[in-house]
Protein backbone atom coordinates (compact mmCIF):
# COMPACT_ATOMS: atom_id res chain seq x y z
CA MET A 1 48.30 -5.75 17.70
CA LEU A 2 46.40 -9.15 16.98
CA SER A 3 44.63 -8.75 20.43
CA THR A 4 43.55 -5.20 19.52
CA GLY A 5 41.96 -6.72 16.34
CA VAL A 6 40.22 -9.64 17.89
CA THR A 7 39.02 -7.26 20.26
CA THR A 8 38.05 -4.55 17.72
CA LEU A 9 35.58 -7.33 15.99
CA ALA A 10 34.37 -8.70 19.13
CA ASN A 11 33.10 -5.26 19.77
CA SER A 12 31.71 -4.99 16.53
CA LEU A 13 30.20 -8.08 16.81
CA VAL A 14 28.51 -7.28 20.30
CA ALA A 15 27.04 -4.08 18.47
CA LEU A 16 25.71 -5.54 15.70
CA SER A 17 24.37 -8.26 17.71
CA GLU A 18 22.55 -5.38 19.90
CA GLN A 19 21.03 -3.60 17.21
CA ILE A 20 19.58 -7.03 15.65
CA ALA A 21 17.98 -7.95 18.81
CA SER A 22 16.47 -4.07 19.26
CA THR A 23 15.30 -3.89 16.13
CA VAL A 24 13.62 -7.43 16.86
CA GLU A 25 12.21 -6.20 19.95
CA GLN A 26 10.82 -2.85 18.77
CA ALA A 27 9.09 -4.61 15.44
CA ALA A 28 7.82 -7.63 17.41
CA GLN A 29 5.67 -4.80 19.58
CA SER A 30 3.15 -4.60 16.38
CA ILE A 31 3.29 -8.34 15.82
CA VAL A 32 0.47 -10.56 17.30
CA SER A 33 0.62 -14.77 17.75
CA VAL A 34 -2.57 -16.06 15.68
CA HIS A 35 -3.85 -19.59 16.83
CA ALA A 36 -5.85 -21.05 13.52
CA ARG A 37 -3.92 -24.35 13.25
CA HIS A 38 -2.96 -27.43 15.05
CA ARG A 39 0.82 -27.42 16.81
CA PHE A 40 2.13 -24.26 15.14
CA ASP A 41 0.70 -20.97 15.45
CA SER A 42 1.48 -18.17 12.98
CA SER A 43 2.23 -14.10 13.07
CA GLY A 44 0.17 -11.32 12.11
CA VAL A 45 0.96 -7.56 11.70
CA HIS A 46 -0.68 -4.77 12.80
CA TRP A 47 -1.52 -2.94 9.51
CA SER A 48 -3.84 -0.32 10.08
CA PRO A 49 -6.70 0.11 13.53
CA GLU A 50 -7.94 -3.13 14.73
CA ILE A 51 -6.63 -4.96 11.59
CA VAL A 52 -4.34 -7.63 11.35
CA VAL A 53 -2.73 -9.19 8.12
CA THR A 54 -1.72 -12.88 8.60
CA ALA A 55 -0.72 -15.51 6.05
CA ASP A 56 -3.82 -17.16 4.53
CA HIS A 57 -2.24 -20.58 4.61
CA ALA A 58 -1.49 -20.76 8.26
CA LEU A 59 -5.72 -20.32 8.72
CA ARG A 60 -7.03 -24.09 9.09
CA ARG A 61 -10.01 -22.60 10.28
CA ASP A 62 -12.48 -19.48 10.07
CA GLU A 63 -14.04 -19.16 13.00
CA GLY A 64 -12.92 -19.34 16.71
CA ILE A 65 -9.47 -17.73 15.92
CA ARG A 66 -7.51 -16.30 18.72
CA VAL A 67 -4.46 -14.02 18.96
CA THR A 68 -2.45 -13.31 21.66
CA LEU A 69 -0.69 -9.94 22.02
CA PRO A 70 2.75 -8.90 22.85
CA ASP A 71 1.98 -8.70 26.79
CA GLY A 72 0.69 -12.08 26.91
CA SER A 73 -2.83 -11.22 26.90
CA LYS A 74 -5.27 -12.63 24.42
CA ALA A 75 -8.08 -11.70 22.47
CA ASP A 76 -10.69 -13.11 19.52
CA ALA A 77 -10.10 -12.14 16.27
CA GLU A 78 -12.75 -11.93 13.31
CA LEU A 79 -11.74 -13.05 9.86
CA VAL A 80 -12.48 -10.15 7.37
CA GLY A 81 -11.39 -12.36 4.69
CA ARG A 82 -8.93 -14.20 2.58
CA ASP A 83 -7.06 -14.60 -0.37
CA PRO A 84 -5.12 -17.91 -1.19
CA GLY A 85 -3.93 -16.03 -4.61
CA THR A 86 -1.51 -14.05 -2.81
CA ASP A 87 -1.67 -15.94 0.30
CA LEU A 88 -3.08 -13.17 2.44
CA ALA A 89 -5.71 -12.89 5.14
CA VAL A 90 -7.21 -10.07 7.26
CA LEU A 91 -8.17 -10.22 10.75
CA ARG A 92 -10.12 -7.75 12.64
CA VAL A 93 -9.16 -7.37 16.39
CA LYS A 94 -11.79 -5.17 18.44
CA GLY A 95 -9.39 -2.69 20.80
CA LEU A 96 -6.29 -3.43 19.45
CA GLY A 97 -3.93 -1.47 21.34
CA ILE A 98 -0.72 -2.44 20.02
CA PRO A 99 1.84 0.26 17.95
CA MET A 100 2.05 -0.30 13.68
CA LEU A 101 5.12 -0.89 11.82
CA ALA A 102 6.19 2.22 9.86
CA LYS A 103 5.94 1.19 6.53
CA ASP A 104 9.03 1.41 4.21
CA GLU A 105 7.36 2.99 1.02
CA SER A 106 10.77 2.83 -0.80
CA PRO A 107 12.41 -0.73 0.17
CA ALA A 108 15.62 -1.90 -0.64
CA THR A 109 15.86 -2.98 -4.34
CA VAL A 110 19.27 -4.84 -4.49
CA PRO A 111 20.15 -8.33 -3.50
CA GLY A 112 22.19 -8.58 -0.83
CA SER A 113 20.33 -6.00 1.59
CA VAL A 114 19.84 -7.45 4.94
CA VAL A 115 16.35 -8.32 6.26
CA LEU A 116 14.73 -9.78 9.49
CA ALA A 117 11.67 -11.88 9.63
CA VAL A 118 10.04 -11.07 13.04
CA GLY A 119 6.75 -12.87 14.08
CA ARG A 120 5.56 -14.14 17.45
CA SER A 121 4.79 -17.79 18.70
CA LYS A 122 2.13 -17.68 22.04
CA ASP A 123 5.60 -17.44 24.09
CA SER A 124 7.86 -15.23 22.56
CA ALA A 125 8.89 -13.03 19.62
CA VAL A 126 10.39 -15.30 16.75
CA ALA A 127 13.44 -14.22 14.30
CA ALA A 128 15.44 -15.05 11.38
CA PHE A 129 18.09 -13.28 9.88
CA GLY A 130 18.88 -13.11 6.03
CA VAL A 131 19.37 -11.19 2.51
CA ILE A 132 17.07 -10.25 -0.25
CA SER A 133 18.09 -13.20 -2.45
CA ASN A 134 16.27 -12.20 -5.80
CA LEU A 135 14.30 -9.75 -6.66
CA SER A 136 12.01 -9.52 -10.19
CA GLY A 137 8.94 -7.38 -11.56
CA PRO A 138 5.52 -8.36 -11.21
CA SER A 139 4.37 -12.12 -11.44
CA GLN A 140 1.23 -14.29 -11.10
CA THR A 141 1.59 -16.77 -8.58
CA TRP A 142 1.20 -20.69 -8.58
CA ARG A 143 -2.02 -20.05 -6.58
CA GLY A 144 -3.32 -17.35 -8.98
CA GLY A 145 -2.70 -14.24 -7.39
CA LYS A 146 -0.67 -11.20 -8.47
CA LEU A 147 2.66 -10.05 -6.64
CA ASP A 148 3.50 -6.53 -7.62
CA GLN A 149 7.23 -7.49 -7.41
CA VAL A 150 8.88 -10.88 -6.29
CA VAL A 151 10.87 -10.70 -3.46
CA ARG A 152 12.84 -13.98 -2.34
CA LEU A 153 14.77 -14.50 0.68
CA ASP A 154 17.48 -16.68 1.81
CA LEU A 155 16.93 -17.17 5.50
CA SER A 156 15.14 -19.89 7.30
CA LEU A 157 11.81 -18.86 8.82
CA HIS A 158 10.57 -20.39 12.23
CA PRO A 159 7.30 -21.78 11.65
CA ALA A 160 5.44 -19.61 13.47
CA GLY A 161 7.12 -16.60 11.63
CA ALA A 162 4.66 -17.38 8.77
CA GLY A 163 2.67 -13.70 8.25
CA GLY A 164 4.92 -12.07 10.01
CA ALA A 165 6.86 -8.81 9.37
CA VAL A 166 9.92 -8.33 7.16
CA VAL A 167 11.70 -5.60 7.94
CA GLY A 168 14.84 -3.76 6.42
CA ALA A 169 17.88 -2.35 7.88
CA THR A 170 15.71 0.79 8.92
CA GLY A 171 13.67 -1.41 11.07
CA LYS A 172 10.77 -0.31 8.98
CA LEU A 173 8.06 -2.96 7.60
CA MET A 174 8.63 -4.00 3.83
CA GLY A 175 6.50 -7.13 3.71
CA ILE A 176 4.76 -10.00 5.01
CA ALA A 177 6.62 -13.25 5.22
CA THR A 178 5.38 -16.19 3.60
CA PRO A 179 6.92 -19.75 2.84
CA ALA A 180 3.63 -20.97 0.60
CA LEU A 181 4.65 -19.35 -2.37
CA SER A 182 7.28 -21.24 -3.23
CA ARG A 183 8.93 -24.53 -2.91
CA VAL A 184 12.49 -23.24 -2.64
CA SER A 185 12.47 -19.64 -0.69
CA VAL A 186 10.64 -17.61 1.49
CA PHE A 187 8.95 -14.85 -0.02
CA ALA A 188 8.68 -10.89 1.15
CA ILE A 189 4.75 -10.15 -0.16
CA PRO A 190 5.24 -6.66 -0.88
CA LEU A 191 3.60 -3.61 0.63
CA PRO A 192 1.88 -2.39 -2.66
CA THR A 193 0.24 -6.25 -2.69
CA VAL A 194 -0.73 -5.95 0.62
CA ALA A 195 -2.57 -2.55 0.63
CA ARG A 196 -4.16 -3.52 -2.64
CA VAL A 197 -5.56 -7.17 -1.42
CA THR A 198 -6.06 -5.64 2.08
CA GLU A 199 -8.22 -2.99 0.92
CA SER A 200 -10.15 -5.34 -1.18
CA LEU A 201 -10.93 -7.94 1.71
CA VAL A 202 -11.75 -4.94 4.08
CA ALA A 203 -14.20 -3.63 1.46
CA HIS A 204 -15.52 -6.74 0.05
CA GLY A 205 -14.45 -10.36 1.94
CA ARG A 206 -12.72 -11.26 -0.96
CA VAL A 207 -10.38 -10.29 -4.40
CA PRO A 208 -12.38 -10.68 -7.14
CA ARG A 209 -10.80 -12.15 -9.88
CA GLY A 210 -11.69 -12.45 -13.64
CA TYR A 211 -12.43 -16.19 -15.25
CA LEU A 212 -13.09 -16.96 -19.22
CA GLY A 213 -14.71 -20.55 -18.03
CA VAL A 214 -12.82 -22.44 -20.59
CA GLY A 215 -9.96 -24.84 -19.99
CA LEU A 216 -6.73 -24.19 -22.16
CA GLN A 217 -3.77 -26.06 -23.53
CA PRO A 218 -0.80 -24.90 -25.54
CA ILE A 219 -0.53 -25.94 -28.71
CA ALA A 220 1.56 -25.37 -31.71
CA ILE A 221 0.66 -23.54 -34.93
CA PRO A 222 1.81 -24.83 -38.21
CA GLU A 223 4.38 -22.98 -40.05
CA HIS A 224 2.41 -22.48 -43.23
CA LEU A 225 -0.70 -21.66 -41.48
CA LYS A 226 1.33 -18.66 -39.28
CA GLY A 227 2.74 -17.68 -42.93
CA LYS A 228 -0.82 -17.64 -44.91
CA LEU A 229 -2.38 -15.76 -41.87
CA ASN A 230 0.35 -13.33 -41.14
CA LEU A 231 0.34 -14.62 -37.09
CA ALA A 232 2.86 -12.80 -35.00
CA SER A 233 3.24 -16.22 -32.64
CA SER A 234 3.77 -19.77 -33.84
CA ALA A 235 1.77 -20.94 -30.39
CA GLY A 236 -1.39 -20.47 -28.99
CA LEU A 237 -3.84 -22.03 -26.66
CA ILE A 238 -6.67 -24.45 -27.83
CA ALA A 239 -9.84 -24.85 -25.83
CA MET A 240 -10.17 -28.18 -24.45
CA SER A 241 -13.54 -27.49 -22.75
CA VAL A 242 -15.88 -24.42 -22.56
CA GLN A 243 -18.59 -23.87 -20.47
CA HIS A 244 -21.74 -22.98 -22.05
CA ASP A 245 -22.80 -20.41 -19.66
CA GLY A 246 -19.70 -19.60 -18.88
CA PRO A 247 -17.99 -15.80 -20.31
CA ALA A 248 -16.09 -17.48 -23.42
CA GLY A 249 -19.34 -19.79 -24.32
CA LYS A 250 -22.00 -17.11 -23.88
CA ALA A 251 -19.65 -14.76 -26.24
CA GLY A 252 -19.89 -17.74 -28.90
CA MET A 253 -16.20 -19.43 -28.11
CA SER A 254 -16.27 -23.34 -28.94
CA ILE A 255 -14.27 -26.37 -28.04
CA GLY A 256 -11.09 -26.40 -30.86
CA ASP A 257 -10.65 -22.83 -30.99
CA VAL A 258 -7.04 -21.62 -30.61
CA LEU A 259 -6.55 -18.44 -28.55
CA LEU A 260 -4.21 -16.26 -29.89
CA GLU A 261 -4.44 -13.08 -28.03
CA LEU A 262 -6.51 -11.52 -25.15
CA GLY A 263 -6.87 -7.76 -24.79
CA GLY A 264 -4.13 -7.59 -27.55
CA ARG A 265 -1.36 -9.49 -25.62
CA ALA A 266 -0.46 -12.76 -26.96
CA THR A 267 -1.42 -16.21 -25.01
CA GLN A 268 1.20 -18.98 -25.57
CA ARG A 269 0.80 -20.12 -22.08
CA THR A 270 -1.90 -20.23 -19.64
CA GLU A 271 -0.08 -17.81 -17.54
CA ASN A 272 -0.52 -15.20 -20.12
CA VAL A 273 -4.54 -15.50 -19.87
CA GLN A 274 -4.35 -15.48 -15.86
CA GLU A 275 -1.98 -11.99 -16.20
CA VAL A 276 -4.72 -10.52 -18.45
CA LEU A 277 -7.58 -11.13 -16.13
CA SER A 278 -5.75 -10.41 -13.27
CA GLY A 279 -5.39 -6.64 -14.37
CA GLU A 280 -8.61 -6.38 -16.09
CA PRO A 281 -11.86 -5.38 -13.80
CA VAL A 282 -14.85 -8.11 -13.72
CA GLY A 283 -17.53 -6.57 -15.80
CA LYS A 284 -15.38 -5.24 -18.83
CA LYS A 285 -15.29 -6.71 -22.61
CA ILE A 286 -12.20 -7.41 -23.98
CA VAL A 287 -11.18 -8.98 -27.45
CA ALA A 288 -10.05 -12.39 -27.72
CA LYS A 289 -8.28 -13.12 -30.96
CA LEU A 290 -9.34 -16.93 -32.04
CA LEU A 291 -7.96 -19.28 -34.97
CA ARG A 292 -11.07 -21.28 -35.92
CA ALA A 293 -11.59 -23.54 -39.12
CA GLY A 294 -7.92 -21.94 -40.51
CA SER A 295 -9.17 -18.47 -40.23
CA VAL A 296 -8.95 -15.48 -37.47
CA ILE A 297 -11.63 -14.20 -35.54
CA GLU A 298 -12.58 -12.06 -32.96
CA LEU A 299 -14.95 -12.22 -30.00
CA ALA A 300 -15.98 -9.77 -27.17
CA ILE A 301 -15.71 -10.81 -23.94
CA THR A 302 -17.68 -10.00 -20.96
CA ILE A 303 -15.32 -10.99 -17.99
CA ALA A 304 -17.00 -12.77 -14.85
CA GLU A 305 -15.87 -13.22 -11.64
CA ARG A 306 -14.36 -16.59 -10.84
CA PRO A 307 -17.22 -18.47 -8.96
CA ARG A 308 -16.11 -19.18 -5.15
CA LYS A 309 -15.50 -22.60 -4.10
CA GLY A 310 -17.77 -24.28 -1.89
């Protein structure tokens, strides 16, 4: 009986191993190796005709980028645009004759779901096996971008796997792998985020993001003042600096003003401001509620595009 049980287990493990290897091999046919940094390659996923999506942090140069295709041939890649906020970048590879991975429009939403991170080095495919360790709703990244969903993975990502595909048990694409959005875990950048950012990069070469032109710091509001003014919150953001030619400065905001609400949403943390700005289009007017000299005032601020560095 013991021998039969061991044999059955061995057969099951062999079957599982072969299925995983087959899924990796199939997914890797849609992935290129990206050569844009020293020592380590990264990966890129064939997203749409001649368009490859990869990890922004793994691109250490804007020009002279090359890719290695699954058949070992090499091709030049043009940088279309990059978005550090979501750690995504888009490359254009002319005549890219490799298949596209089917996209999983309804990916697993349960922690514990099995996933594979599939990438490619210049020599071969690379893979990691793991599970979804945690899921949460929309979130702002520490880089200033917005993820439609936070998908944390419990797996050890090969250095060349950055920018590669995260596939579920069906073998379909459910996200792009990156270790750059967290110090403690690998993320799968979800498909809605990849689609939104890729569309913007292809159309504009960048992802326009709004800004106010102020330096803000959390501050507590005294209880007596909160009660006197009937304020909903006991905290706000005090303006430590205001660019006179920035959106808030032009609207009349001054150093020392305390931002209570922006667009009708409470602003107790600087992340609250970024969340509002990431959801509002550049050029739109938005109402800011301020505490100034013991009184509450409102200003209409026209959101401008955050200036690009360099």
